[in-house]
Amino acid sequence: MPEQIHIQDLWRPAVEILILAVLIYFAFKFVRGTRGWPVVIGFVIVLLALTVVTTLLNLQVLRWILGSASVFIALGALVIFQPEMRRMLGELGNLPIFASNSEQRESIEVVIQTCERLADIRIGALIAIEQSIQLQEAVESGIKVDCDVTSEMLETIFFPNNAVHDGGVIIKGDRIMYAACIFPLTQRSDLNKSLGTRHRAAIGLSEETDAVVVVVSEETGMLSYAHKGQLVRGVTPEELRAFMTSVILRPAPKTAGLVRWLRVRFNQPYVASGPAVITKREPRPAVKPNAKPS
């Protein structure tokens, strides 16, 4: 009997330590590379330093303050890391058992065809395809449209001098939900100064959400896409289609593949590793329509 009690006293703390270690590991891995990562490092360093000092010097008052403030520290962490928490819950809600591809296939083709036509005539565009995280929470202003996704509607929205041509468009499923949206600009300091506002907004929105953001450059006619904080410039329509299909269209629900899906999703950092901007092709010389020869 004493041996049995001794064994139980050993395995329960071991299980608790294992669960806590796994949770801490995945929490750190999830926020690594995001804008909240430096805050996490600073917060952990300060907390560990205070804990070590109070323990070594037996500072009872400071220890009591730390214990009493634990609830407020937890609430503060929820406020500070609210985007990361929302993104993590969005990932859980994005499980394959909830996936539906029927609304996305046609939207992808419409977006690609529209961007290709706008690129040919040098009309800029900024289109965000919503996934698990609602984009309206991450953008400012915006005019509600709520209509079917069609090439004619998208071209009308981005036509120059139109009342809603400035800003971005949000697409959810097979609906254009909002137009003239102001996306958050990225705060990265390692970007080329020549990078325009549309491209910076695309990176910024992809840093805060899991959206796929497509950009058409007004100056060069280049197609680009942003995802997980990384912008890929100078892609062809075929490359854009392949990327959007791989990210937006998920396989049919399969319970057997749930573990594999979780492993893939949580092994990938939310913000892509590597440079913030990847240029696959250099921009073509700008040729304005109906330009007179010199």
C-alpha atoms as a PDB file:
ATOM      1  CA  MET A   1       0.000   0.000   0.000  1.00  0.00           C
ATOM      2  CA  PRO A   2       2.721   2.568   0.801  1.00  0.00           C
ATOM      3  CA  GLU A   3       4.428   1.692  -2.518  1.00  0.00           C
ATOM      4  CA  GLN A   4       1.177   2.289  -4.414  1.00  0.00           C
ATOM      5  CA  ILE A   5       0.717   5.690  -2.750  1.00  0.00           C
ATOM      6  CA  HIS A   6       4.310   6.546  -3.516  1.00  0.00           C
ATOM      7  CA  ILE A   7       3.866   5.706  -7.207  1.00  0.00           C
ATOM      8  CA  GLN A   8       0.702   7.816  -7.454  1.00  0.00           C
ATOM      9  CA  ASP A   9       2.488  10.731  -5.823  1.00  0.00           C
ATOM     10  CA  LEU A  10       5.145  10.487  -8.514  1.00  0.00           C
ATOM     11  CA  TRP A  11       3.147  10.105 -11.737  1.00  0.00           C
ATOM     12  CA  ARG A  12       0.602  12.858 -11.077  1.00  0.00           C
ATOM     13  CA  PRO A  13       3.169  15.668 -10.762  1.00  0.00           C
ATOM     14  CA  ALA A  14       4.983  14.201 -13.776  1.00  0.00           C
ATOM     15  CA  VAL A  15       1.789  14.367 -15.853  1.00  0.00           C
ATOM     16  CA  GLU A  16       1.133  17.949 -14.712  1.00  0.00           C
ATOM     17  CA  ILE A  17       4.671  19.014 -15.609  1.00  0.00           C
ATOM     18  CA  LEU A  18       4.378  17.324 -19.013  1.00  0.00           C
ATOM     19  CA  ILE A  19       1.062  19.046 -19.802  1.00  0.00           C
ATOM     20  CA  LEU A  20       2.398  22.447 -18.730  1.00  0.00           C
ATOM     21  CA  ALA A  21       5.585  21.945 -20.750  1.00  0.00           C
ATOM     22  CA  VAL A  22       3.625  21.064 -23.883  1.00  0.00           C
ATOM     23  CA  LEU A  23       1.284  24.048 -23.469  1.00  0.00           C
ATOM     24  CA  ILE A  24       4.157  26.477 -22.883  1.00  0.00           C
ATOM     25  CA  TYR A  25       6.100  25.049 -25.834  1.00  0.00           C
ATOM     26  CA  PHE A  26       3.217  25.435 -28.292  1.00  0.00           C
ATOM     27  CA  ALA A  27       2.301  28.866 -26.921  1.00  0.00           C
ATOM     28  CA  PHE A  28       5.867  30.105 -27.470  1.00  0.00           C
ATOM     29  CA  LYS A  29       6.011  28.478 -30.882  1.00  0.00           C
ATOM     30  CA  PHE A  30       2.715  30.079 -31.896  1.00  0.00           C
ATOM     31  CA  VAL A  31       3.712  33.666 -31.048  1.00  0.00           C
ATOM     32  CA  ARG A  32       7.294  33.292 -32.296  1.00  0.00           C
ATOM     33  CA  GLY A  33       7.893  35.596 -35.231  1.00  0.00           C
ATOM     34  CA  THR A  34       4.825  37.737 -34.533  1.00  0.00           C
ATOM     35  CA  ARG A  35       4.889  41.364 -33.429  1.00  0.00           C
ATOM     36  CA  GLY A  36       4.078  40.240 -29.877  1.00  0.00           C
ATOM     37  CA  TRP A  37       7.177  38.026 -29.652  1.00  0.00           C
ATOM     38  CA  PRO A  38       9.528  40.727 -28.240  1.00  0.00           C
ATOM     39  CA  VAL A  39       6.883  41.545 -25.621  1.00  0.00           C
ATOM     40  CA  VAL A  40       6.743  37.861 -24.614  1.00  0.00           C
ATOM     41  CA  ILE A  41      10.516  37.712 -24.197  1.00  0.00           C
ATOM     42  CA  GLY A  42      10.623  40.913 -22.134  1.00  0.00           C
ATOM     43  CA  PHE A  43       7.683  39.850 -19.982  1.00  0.00           C
ATOM     44  CA  VAL A  44       9.182  36.409 -19.223  1.00  0.00           C
ATOM     45  CA  ILE A  45      12.618  37.873 -18.418  1.00  0.00           C
ATOM     46  CA  VAL A  46      11.177  40.433 -15.984  1.00  0.00           C
ATOM     47  CA  LEU A  47       8.934  37.850 -14.312  1.00  0.00           C
ATOM     48  CA  LEU A  48      11.754  35.317 -13.910  1.00  0.00           C
ATOM     49  CA  ALA A  49      14.122  37.966 -12.585  1.00  0.00           C
ATOM     50  CA  LEU A  50      11.621  39.146  -9.975  1.00  0.00           C
ATOM     51  CA  THR A  51      10.852  35.570  -8.932  1.00  0.00           C
ATOM     52  CA  VAL A  52      14.536  34.681  -8.515  1.00  0.00           C
ATOM     53  CA  VAL A  53      15.293  37.846  -6.551  1.00  0.00           C
ATOM     54  CA  THR A  54      12.346  37.440  -4.178  1.00  0.00           C
ATOM     55  CA  THR A  55      13.236  33.783  -3.582  1.00  0.00           C
ATOM     56  CA  LEU A  56      16.960  34.278  -2.987  1.00  0.00           C
ATOM     57  CA  LEU A  57      16.589  37.365  -0.791  1.00  0.00           C
ATOM     58  CA  ASN A  58      13.370  36.160   0.859  1.00  0.00           C
ATOM     59  CA  LEU A  59      11.543  39.398   0.059  1.00  0.00           C
ATOM     60  CA  GLN A  60       8.158  38.606   1.562  1.00  0.00           C
ATOM     61  CA  VAL A  61       6.375  41.812   0.576  1.00  0.00           C
ATOM     62  CA  LEU A  62       7.468  41.618  -3.040  1.00  0.00           C
ATOM     63  CA  ARG A  63       6.529  37.932  -3.134  1.00  0.00           C
ATOM     64  CA  TRP A  64       3.075  38.771  -1.793  1.00  0.00           C
ATOM     65  CA  ILE A  65       2.662  41.528  -4.389  1.00  0.00           C
ATOM     66  CA  LEU A  66       3.612  39.145  -7.190  1.00  0.00           C
ATOM     67  CA  GLY A  67       1.166  36.530  -5.942  1.00  0.00           C
ATOM     68  CA  SER A  68      -1.648  39.045  -5.556  1.00  0.00           C
ATOM     69  CA  ALA A  69      -0.991  40.569  -8.978  1.00  0.00           C
ATOM     70  CA  SER A  70      -1.083  37.229 -10.802  1.00  0.00           C
ATOM     71  CA  VAL A  71      -4.723  37.724 -11.803  1.00  0.00           C
ATOM     72  CA  PHE A  72      -4.011  41.207 -13.172  1.00  0.00           C
ATOM     73  CA  ILE A  73      -0.935  39.887 -14.989  1.00  0.00           C
ATOM     74  CA  ALA A  74      -3.091  37.228 -16.659  1.00  0.00           C
ATOM     75  CA  LEU A  75      -5.675  39.845 -17.693  1.00  0.00           C
ATOM     76  CA  GLY A  76      -2.911  42.106 -19.004  1.00  0.00           C
ATOM     77  CA  ALA A  77      -1.468  39.226 -21.040  1.00  0.00           C
ATOM     78  CA  LEU A  78      -4.897  38.602 -22.585  1.00  0.00           C
ATOM     79  CA  VAL A  79      -5.144  42.256 -23.600  1.00  0.00           C
ATOM     80  CA  ILE A  80      -1.591  42.516 -24.931  1.00  0.00           C
ATOM     81  CA  PHE A  81      -1.735  39.263 -26.869  1.00  0.00           C
ATOM     82  CA  GLN A  82      -5.349  39.582 -27.993  1.00  0.00           C
ATOM     83  CA  PRO A  83      -4.460  39.324 -31.736  1.00  0.00           C
ATOM     84  CA  GLU A  84      -2.435  36.164 -31.117  1.00  0.00           C
ATOM     85  CA  MET A  85      -5.201  34.632 -28.961  1.00  0.00           C
ATOM     86  CA  ARG A  86      -7.814  35.443 -31.593  1.00  0.00           C
ATOM     87  CA  ARG A  87      -5.613  33.927 -34.271  1.00  0.00           C
ATOM     88  CA  MET A  88      -5.061  30.758 -32.220  1.00  0.00           C
ATOM     89  CA  LEU A  89      -8.802  30.305 -31.657  1.00  0.00           C
ATOM     90  CA  GLY A  90      -9.302  30.949 -35.358  1.00  0.00           C
ATOM     91  CA  GLU A  91      -6.868  28.161 -36.138  1.00  0.00           C
ATOM     92  CA  LEU A  92      -8.859  25.786 -33.924  1.00  0.00           C
ATOM     93  CA  GLY A  93     -12.069  26.841 -35.639  1.00  0.00           C
ATOM     94  CA  ASN A  94     -10.386  26.234 -38.977  1.00  0.00           C
ATOM     95  CA  LEU A  95     -10.265  22.461 -38.462  1.00  0.00           C
ATOM     96  CA  PRO A  96     -10.939  20.309 -41.536  1.00  0.00           C
ATOM     97  CA  ILE A  97     -14.260  19.135 -40.130  1.00  0.00           C
ATOM     98  CA  PHE A  98     -15.584  22.664 -40.634  1.00  0.00           C
ATOM     99  CA  ALA A  99     -14.071  23.252 -44.077  1.00  0.00           C
ATOM    100  CA  SER A 100     -16.141  23.981 -47.163  1.00  0.00           C
ATOM    101  CA  ASN A 101     -14.664  24.540 -50.615  1.00  0.00           C
ATOM    102  CA  SER A 102     -17.789  25.140 -52.645  1.00  0.00           C
ATOM    103  CA  GLU A 103     -17.875  28.895 -52.000  1.00  0.00           C
ATOM    104  CA  GLN A 104     -14.182  29.469 -52.648  1.00  0.00           C
ATOM    105  CA  ARG A 105     -13.414  27.860 -55.996  1.00  0.00           C
ATOM    106  CA  GLU A 106     -15.341  30.306 -58.145  1.00  0.00           C
ATOM    107  CA  SER A 107     -14.151  33.273 -56.071  1.00  0.00           C
ATOM    108  CA  ILE A 108     -10.510  32.353 -56.698  1.00  0.00           C
ATOM    109  CA  GLU A 109     -11.017  32.255 -60.451  1.00  0.00           C
ATOM    110  CA  VAL A 110     -12.912  35.551 -60.433  1.00  0.00           C
ATOM    111  CA  VAL A 111     -10.173  37.262 -58.401  1.00  0.00           C
ATOM    112  CA  ILE A 112      -7.412  35.951 -60.678  1.00  0.00           C
ATOM    113  CA  GLN A 113      -9.201  36.942 -63.890  1.00  0.00           C
ATOM    114  CA  THR A 114      -9.983  40.398 -62.504  1.00  0.00           C
ATOM    115  CA  CYS A 115      -6.418  41.001 -61.317  1.00  0.00           C
ATOM    116  CA  GLU A 116      -5.052  39.884 -64.678  1.00  0.00           C
ATOM    117  CA  ARG A 117      -7.256  42.357 -66.538  1.00  0.00           C
ATOM    118  CA  LEU A 118      -6.504  45.193 -64.124  1.00  0.00           C
ATOM    119  CA  ALA A 119      -2.760  44.519 -64.407  1.00  0.00           C
ATOM    120  CA  ASP A 120      -2.921  44.793 -68.205  1.00  0.00           C
ATOM    121  CA  ILE A 121      -4.415  48.288 -68.019  1.00  0.00           C
ATOM    122  CA  ARG A 122      -2.382  49.422 -64.983  1.00  0.00           C
ATOM    123  CA  ILE A 123      -5.205  49.811 -62.483  1.00  0.00           C
ATOM    124  CA  GLY A 124      -4.233  49.143 -58.877  1.00  0.00           C
ATOM    125  CA  ALA A 125      -6.161  46.745 -56.656  1.00  0.00           C
ATOM    126  CA  LEU A 126      -6.021  45.384 -53.125  1.00  0.00           C
ATOM    127  CA  ILE A 127      -8.155  42.311 -52.376  1.00  0.00           C
ATOM    128  CA  ALA A 128      -8.251  40.339 -49.124  1.00  0.00           C
ATOM    129  CA  ILE A 129      -9.817  36.874 -48.993  1.00  0.00           C
ATOM    130  CA  GLU A 130     -11.105  36.201 -45.503  1.00  0.00           C
ATOM    131  CA  GLN A 131     -10.499  32.831 -43.898  1.00  0.00           C
ATOM    132  CA  SER A 132     -11.010  31.916 -40.234  1.00  0.00           C
ATOM    133  CA  ILE A 133     -10.402  35.370 -38.719  1.00  0.00           C
ATOM    134  CA  GLN A 134     -12.949  38.096 -39.405  1.00  0.00           C
ATOM    135  CA  LEU A 135     -11.176  40.895 -41.262  1.00  0.00           C
ATOM    136  CA  GLN A 136     -13.593  43.632 -40.313  1.00  0.00           C
ATOM    137  CA  GLU A 137     -12.051  43.619 -36.834  1.00  0.00           C
ATOM    138  CA  ALA A 138      -8.592  44.344 -38.272  1.00  0.00           C
ATOM    139  CA  VAL A 139      -9.481  47.117 -40.729  1.00  0.00           C
ATOM    140  CA  GLU A 140     -10.666  50.674 -40.372  1.00  0.00           C
ATOM    141  CA  SER A 141     -13.829  52.091 -41.908  1.00  0.00           C
ATOM    142  CA  GLY A 142     -15.033  50.350 -45.065  1.00  0.00           C
ATOM    143  CA  ILE A 143     -18.304  50.471 -46.975  1.00  0.00           C
ATOM    144  CA  LYS A 144     -20.562  47.439 -46.811  1.00  0.00           C
ATOM    145  CA  VAL A 145     -21.282  46.006 -50.253  1.00  0.00           C
ATOM    146  CA  ASP A 146     -22.501  42.427 -49.669  1.00  0.00           C
ATOM    147  CA  CYS A 147     -22.875  41.294 -53.271  1.00  0.00           C
ATOM    148  CA  ASP A 148     -21.794  38.334 -55.380  1.00  0.00           C
ATOM    149  CA  VAL A 149     -18.138  38.105 -56.370  1.00  0.00           C
ATOM    150  CA  THR A 150     -17.988  39.015 -60.064  1.00  0.00           C
ATOM    151  CA  SER A 151     -15.270  40.432 -62.284  1.00  0.00           C
ATOM    152  CA  GLU A 152     -17.536  43.292 -63.339  1.00  0.00           C
ATOM    153  CA  MET A 153     -18.150  44.364 -59.737  1.00  0.00           C
ATOM    154  CA  LEU A 154     -14.481  44.206 -58.761  1.00  0.00           C
ATOM    155  CA  GLU A 155     -13.413  46.166 -61.845  1.00  0.00           C
ATOM    156  CA  THR A 156     -16.071  48.775 -61.120  1.00  0.00           C
ATOM    157  CA  ILE A 157     -14.873  49.163 -57.528  1.00  0.00           C
ATOM    158  CA  PHE A 158     -11.229  49.706 -58.491  1.00  0.00           C
ATOM    159  CA  PHE A 159     -11.888  51.875 -61.545  1.00  0.00           C
ATOM    160  CA  PRO A 160     -10.025  55.198 -61.136  1.00  0.00           C
ATOM    161  CA  ASN A 161     -11.977  58.186 -59.779  1.00  0.00           C
ATOM    162  CA  ASN A 162     -14.644  55.849 -58.439  1.00  0.00           C
ATOM    163  CA  ALA A 163     -15.897  56.857 -54.986  1.00  0.00           C
ATOM    164  CA  VAL A 164     -14.732  53.560 -53.455  1.00  0.00           C
ATOM    165  CA  HIS A 165     -11.635  52.797 -55.533  1.00  0.00           C
ATOM    166  CA  ASP A 166      -9.240  53.778 -52.728  1.00  0.00           C
ATOM    167  CA  GLY A 167      -8.592  51.132 -50.095  1.00  0.00           C
ATOM    168  CA  GLY A 168      -9.075  47.389 -50.143  1.00  0.00           C
ATOM    169  CA  VAL A 169     -11.872  44.923 -50.754  1.00  0.00           C
ATOM    170  CA  ILE A 170     -12.815  42.101 -48.381  1.00  0.00           C
ATOM    171  CA  ILE A 171     -14.178  38.875 -49.866  1.00  0.00           C
ATOM    172  CA  LYS A 172     -15.837  36.253 -47.696  1.00  0.00           C
ATOM    173  CA  GLY A 173     -16.808  33.024 -49.401  1.00  0.00           C
ATOM    174  CA  ASP A 174     -18.561  33.996 -52.621  1.00  0.00           C
ATOM    175  CA  ARG A 175     -19.512  37.505 -51.433  1.00  0.00           C
ATOM    176  CA  ILE A 176     -17.841  40.898 -51.641  1.00  0.00           C
ATOM    177  CA  MET A 177     -18.496  42.107 -48.105  1.00  0.00           C
ATOM    178  CA  TYR A 178     -16.704  45.480 -47.869  1.00  0.00           C
ATOM    179  CA  ALA A 179     -14.968  48.000 -50.124  1.00  0.00           C
ATOM    180  CA  ALA A 180     -12.813  51.093 -49.474  1.00  0.00           C
ATOM    181  CA  CYS A 181     -11.293  49.444 -46.392  1.00  0.00           C
ATOM    182  CA  ILE A 182      -8.136  50.829 -44.792  1.00  0.00           C
ATOM    183  CA  PHE A 183      -5.864  47.914 -43.958  1.00  0.00           C
ATOM    184  CA  PRO A 184      -3.250  48.227 -41.176  1.00  0.00           C
ATOM    185  CA  LEU A 185       0.216  49.057 -42.484  1.00  0.00           C
ATOM    186  CA  THR A 186       3.125  46.844 -41.506  1.00  0.00           C
ATOM    187  CA  GLN A 187       5.525  48.266 -38.928  1.00  0.00           C
ATOM    188  CA  ARG A 188       8.555  46.417 -40.293  1.00  0.00           C
ATOM    189  CA  SER A 189      11.597  48.613 -40.768  1.00  0.00           C
ATOM    190  CA  ASP A 190      13.505  46.312 -43.129  1.00  0.00           C
ATOM    191  CA  LEU A 191      11.329  47.010 -46.180  1.00  0.00           C
ATOM    192  CA  ASN A 192      12.469  48.867 -49.247  1.00  0.00           C
ATOM    193  CA  LYS A 193      11.364  52.496 -49.196  1.00  0.00           C
ATOM    194  CA  SER A 194      10.071  52.131 -52.748  1.00  0.00           C
ATOM    195  CA  LEU A 195       7.411  49.657 -51.585  1.00  0.00           C
ATOM    196  CA  GLY A 196       4.017  51.285 -52.036  1.00  0.00           C
ATOM    197  CA  THR A 197       1.158  51.713 -49.594  1.00  0.00           C
ATOM    198  CA  ARG A 198      -0.900  48.883 -51.110  1.00  0.00           C
ATOM    199  CA  HIS A 199       1.923  46.397 -50.601  1.00  0.00           C
ATOM    200  CA  ARG A 200       2.630  47.598 -47.058  1.00  0.00           C
ATOM    201  CA  ALA A 201      -1.073  47.295 -46.238  1.00  0.00           C
ATOM    202  CA  ALA A 202      -1.137  43.770 -47.668  1.00  0.00           C
ATOM    203  CA  ILE A 203       1.785  42.733 -45.451  1.00  0.00           C
ATOM    204  CA  GLY A 204       0.244  44.440 -42.431  1.00  0.00           C
ATOM    205  CA  LEU A 205      -3.113  42.686 -42.769  1.00  0.00           C
ATOM    206  CA  SER A 206      -1.456  39.307 -43.362  1.00  0.00           C
ATOM    207  CA  GLU A 207       0.588  39.796 -40.170  1.00  0.00           C
ATOM    208  CA  GLU A 208      -2.531  40.247 -38.042  1.00  0.00           C
ATOM    209  CA  THR A 209      -4.854  37.729 -39.725  1.00  0.00           C
ATOM    210  CA  ASP A 210      -4.728  34.527 -41.764  1.00  0.00           C
ATOM    211  CA  ALA A 211      -6.105  36.253 -44.871  1.00  0.00           C
ATOM    212  CA  VAL A 212      -4.638  35.922 -48.351  1.00  0.00           C
ATOM    213  CA  VAL A 213      -4.139  39.426 -49.768  1.00  0.00           C
ATOM    214  CA  VAL A 214      -3.732  39.978 -53.511  1.00  0.00           C
ATOM    215  CA  VAL A 215      -2.186  43.186 -54.850  1.00  0.00           C
ATOM    216  CA  VAL A 216      -2.101  44.685 -58.345  1.00  0.00           C
ATOM    217  CA  SER A 217       0.503  47.411 -58.768  1.00  0.00           C
ATOM    218  CA  GLU A 218      -0.743  50.524 -60.512  1.00  0.00           C
ATOM    219  CA  GLU A 219       2.770  51.558 -61.561  1.00  0.00           C
ATOM    220  CA  THR A 220       4.148  48.258 -62.859  1.00  0.00           C
ATOM    221  CA  GLY A 221       1.124  46.006 -63.359  1.00  0.00           C
ATOM    222  CA  MET A 222       2.790  43.311 -61.251  1.00  0.00           C
ATOM    223  CA  LEU A 223       0.713  40.723 -59.413  1.00  0.00           C
ATOM    224  CA  SER A 224       1.641  40.017 -55.802  1.00  0.00           C
ATOM    225  CA  TYR A 225       0.220  38.160 -52.838  1.00  0.00           C
ATOM    226  CA  ALA A 226       0.804  38.428 -49.098  1.00  0.00           C
ATOM    227  CA  HIS A 227       0.337  35.704 -46.511  1.00  0.00           C
ATOM    228  CA  LYS A 228       1.736  35.225 -43.006  1.00  0.00           C
ATOM    229  CA  GLY A 229       3.548  38.542 -43.180  1.00  0.00           C
ATOM    230  CA  GLN A 230       5.434  37.716 -46.379  1.00  0.00           C
ATOM    231  CA  LEU A 231       4.891  39.419 -49.737  1.00  0.00           C
ATOM    232  CA  VAL A 232       5.679  37.606 -52.985  1.00  0.00           C
ATOM    233  CA  ARG A 233       5.911  40.003 -55.948  1.00  0.00           C
ATOM    234  CA  GLY A 234       5.926  39.439 -59.671  1.00  0.00           C
ATOM    235  CA  VAL A 235       3.915  36.214 -59.803  1.00  0.00           C
ATOM    236  CA  THR A 236       2.086  34.912 -62.841  1.00  0.00           C
ATOM    237  CA  PRO A 237      -1.654  34.199 -62.810  1.00  0.00           C
ATOM    238  CA  GLU A 238      -0.841  30.472 -62.774  1.00  0.00           C
ATOM    239  CA  GLU A 239       1.425  30.862 -59.731  1.00  0.00           C
ATOM    240  CA  LEU A 240      -1.210  32.959 -58.001  1.00  0.00           C
ATOM    241  CA  ARG A 241      -3.872  30.336 -58.712  1.00  0.00           C
ATOM    242  CA  ALA A 242      -1.654  27.536 -57.398  1.00  0.00           C
ATOM    243  CA  PHE A 243      -0.889  29.421 -54.187  1.00  0.00           C
ATOM    244  CA  MET A 244      -4.481  30.465 -53.482  1.00  0.00           C
ATOM    245  CA  THR A 245      -5.713  26.948 -54.168  1.00  0.00           C
ATOM    246  CA  SER A 246      -3.177  25.405 -51.791  1.00  0.00           C
ATOM    247  CA  VAL A 247      -3.954  27.853 -48.966  1.00  0.00           C
ATOM    248  CA  ILE A 248      -7.663  28.591 -49.287  1.00  0.00           C
ATOM    249  CA  LEU A 249      -9.046  25.326 -50.627  1.00  0.00           C
ATOM    250  CA  ARG A 250      -8.718  22.639 -48.002  1.00  0.00           C
ATOM    251  CA  PRO A 251      -9.233  18.928 -48.550  1.00  0.00           C
ATOM    252  CA  ALA A 252     -12.555  17.307 -47.752  1.00  0.00           C
ATOM    253  CA  PRO A 253     -13.111  16.542 -44.062  1.00  0.00           C
ATOM    254  CA  LYS A 254     -11.375  13.374 -42.982  1.00  0.00           C
ATOM    255  CA  THR A 255     -11.244  12.389 -39.344  1.00  0.00           C
ATOM    256  CA  ALA A 256      -8.253  10.166 -40.013  1.00  0.00           C
ATOM    257  CA  GLY A 257      -6.268  13.144 -41.283  1.00  0.00           C
ATOM    258  CA  LEU A 258      -7.069  15.400 -38.332  1.00  0.00           C
ATOM    259  CA  VAL A 259      -3.862  14.612 -36.453  1.00  0.00           C
ATOM    260  CA  ARG A 260      -1.802  15.178 -39.600  1.00  0.00           C
ATOM    261  CA  TRP A 261      -3.564  18.500 -40.215  1.00  0.00           C
ATOM    262  CA  LEU A 262      -2.899  19.683 -36.661  1.00  0.00           C
ATOM    263  CA  ARG A 263       0.749  18.697 -36.961  1.00  0.00           C
ATOM    264  CA  VAL A 264       1.173  20.650 -40.193  1.00  0.00           C
ATOM    265  CA  ARG A 265      -0.722  23.728 -38.985  1.00  0.00           C
ATOM    266  CA  PHE A 266       1.047  24.097 -35.654  1.00  0.00           C
ATOM    267  CA  ASN A 267       4.492  23.239 -36.995  1.00  0.00           C
ATOM    268  CA  GLN A 268       4.289  26.200 -39.367  1.00  0.00           C
ATOM    269  CA  PRO A 269       5.076  29.602 -37.844  1.00  0.00           C
ATOM    270  CA  TYR A 270       2.265  32.116 -38.291  1.00  0.00           C
ATOM    271  CA  VAL A 271       4.662  34.674 -39.757  1.00  0.00           C
ATOM    272  CA  ALA A 272       6.648  33.058 -42.534  1.00  0.00           C
ATOM    273  CA  SER A 273      10.386  32.764 -42.057  1.00  0.00           C
ATOM    274  CA  GLY A 274      12.756  34.420 -44.474  1.00  0.00           C
ATOM    275  CA  PRO A 275      12.627  37.878 -46.080  1.00  0.00           C
ATOM    276  CA  ALA A 276       9.501  40.020 -45.871  1.00  0.00           C
ATOM    277  CA  VAL A 277       9.453  40.545 -49.650  1.00  0.00           C
ATOM    278  CA  ILE A 278      10.290  38.016 -52.356  1.00  0.00           C
ATOM    279  CA  THR A 279      10.469  39.254 -55.954  1.00  0.00           C
ATOM    280  CA  LYS A 280      10.099  36.508 -58.540  1.00  0.00           C
ATOM    281  CA  ARG A 281      10.133  38.779 -61.593  1.00  0.00           C
ATOM    282  CA  GLU A 282      11.260  42.314 -62.160  1.00  0.00           C
ATOM    283  CA  PRO A 283       8.573  44.836 -63.133  1.00  0.00           C
ATOM    284  CA  ARG A 284       7.890  45.483 -66.779  1.00  0.00           C
ATOM    285  CA  PRO A 285       8.498  48.971 -68.190  1.00  0.00           C
ATOM    286  CA  ALA A 286       5.515  51.149 -67.469  1.00  0.00           C
ATOM    287  CA  VAL A 287       3.528  51.927 -70.605  1.00  0.00           C
ATOM    288  CA  LYS A 288       0.479  54.059 -70.110  1.00  0.00           C
ATOM    289  CA  PRO A 289      -2.538  53.256 -72.271  1.00  0.00           C
ATOM    290  CA  ASN A 290      -2.991  55.563 -75.272  1.00  0.00           C
ATOM    291  CA  ALA A 291       0.424  57.116 -74.676  1.00  0.00           C
ATOM    292  CA  LYS A 292       1.779  59.114 -77.583  1.00  0.00           C
ATOM    293  CA  PRO A 293       5.160  57.993 -78.974  1.00  0.00           C
ATOM    294  CA  SER A 294       7.984  60.350 -78.235  1.00  0.00           C
END
